[in-house]
């Protein structure tokens, strides 16, 4: 049961963030900043939990904290959008800078909440996010994740918006020639990515623990989500199954001390490494077959047609 519990938790996190990367890259922007967006989303969401007065109803707590996490992700991803789309800066360098900035900001802000101490830790209640269904403990993000997955599939493949978004990532010059505003669509792709990444960061931190040290950021989950996106071939349905696969490895670290794995005597760090080792091995064998959007990472210049 513990394996299922943690697998579902990590699968929803990886899926949400990978879906965010999927929207961004289908628009033509590589979002390396997912790690930083997750950190900011988790920080703002937890800050809302800390400042909300006692006695606030669970429905309000859920709505305000999750909404704040998503909104903060949007605002932070706007920095990447402005640099990559308007200024035509290198997307990889810009995303890396935002990752570094996010952790530094999180540490400073978290310490402001802890007056008189240097610890960048915030404590909060995760009770409103936890539910017991048939003896299995699940969190609200399981239902949110499934809903957003179905919505993402519908938007990507059943709407005019999704068609235009994918066109901007495949051949922006052709899209522009039929009247599609490439800059506008790329902004939308990055902002949607930020929204999903912010919620994903909040989903990673809150349900699992009741205290978080922001000096560790989100411990590489944003980069693992990028591997999930690539392994899922930039398709929401495949991303879901890829997230479940990697989540099993991530969950092993949480159950290593309380299951039969303890008999092996392996240090916990080995289990923490497993999802990243698996991602390197899998991507090494599948990268030749990966078909990313053709124009991703290439700044669009309207005058170059």
Foldseek 3Di string as FASTA:
>chain_A
DLLVAQLLLQLLLLLLLLLLQLLLLLLQAGQLQLLLLLLQLQLQLLVLQVPDDPPDDLVCNVVVSLVRLLVSLLVLLVQLLCCCAVVVHQNVVSSVVSNVVSLVVQQVVQVVVVPPDSFSKDFGDLVSQWDADPNHIHGPSSVVSVVVLVVSQCCLPPDPLNVLSNCNLAPVLVSVVVPDDSSVSSSVSSSSSSSSSSSSSNSQPRPPDRMDGSNCRSVCSSVLSNLLSQCLLSHSVSSSVSSSVLSSLCSCLVCCCPDPVVVVVDDSVVSNCVSVVVSVVVCVVCVVVRDGRPNHSPHDDNVVD
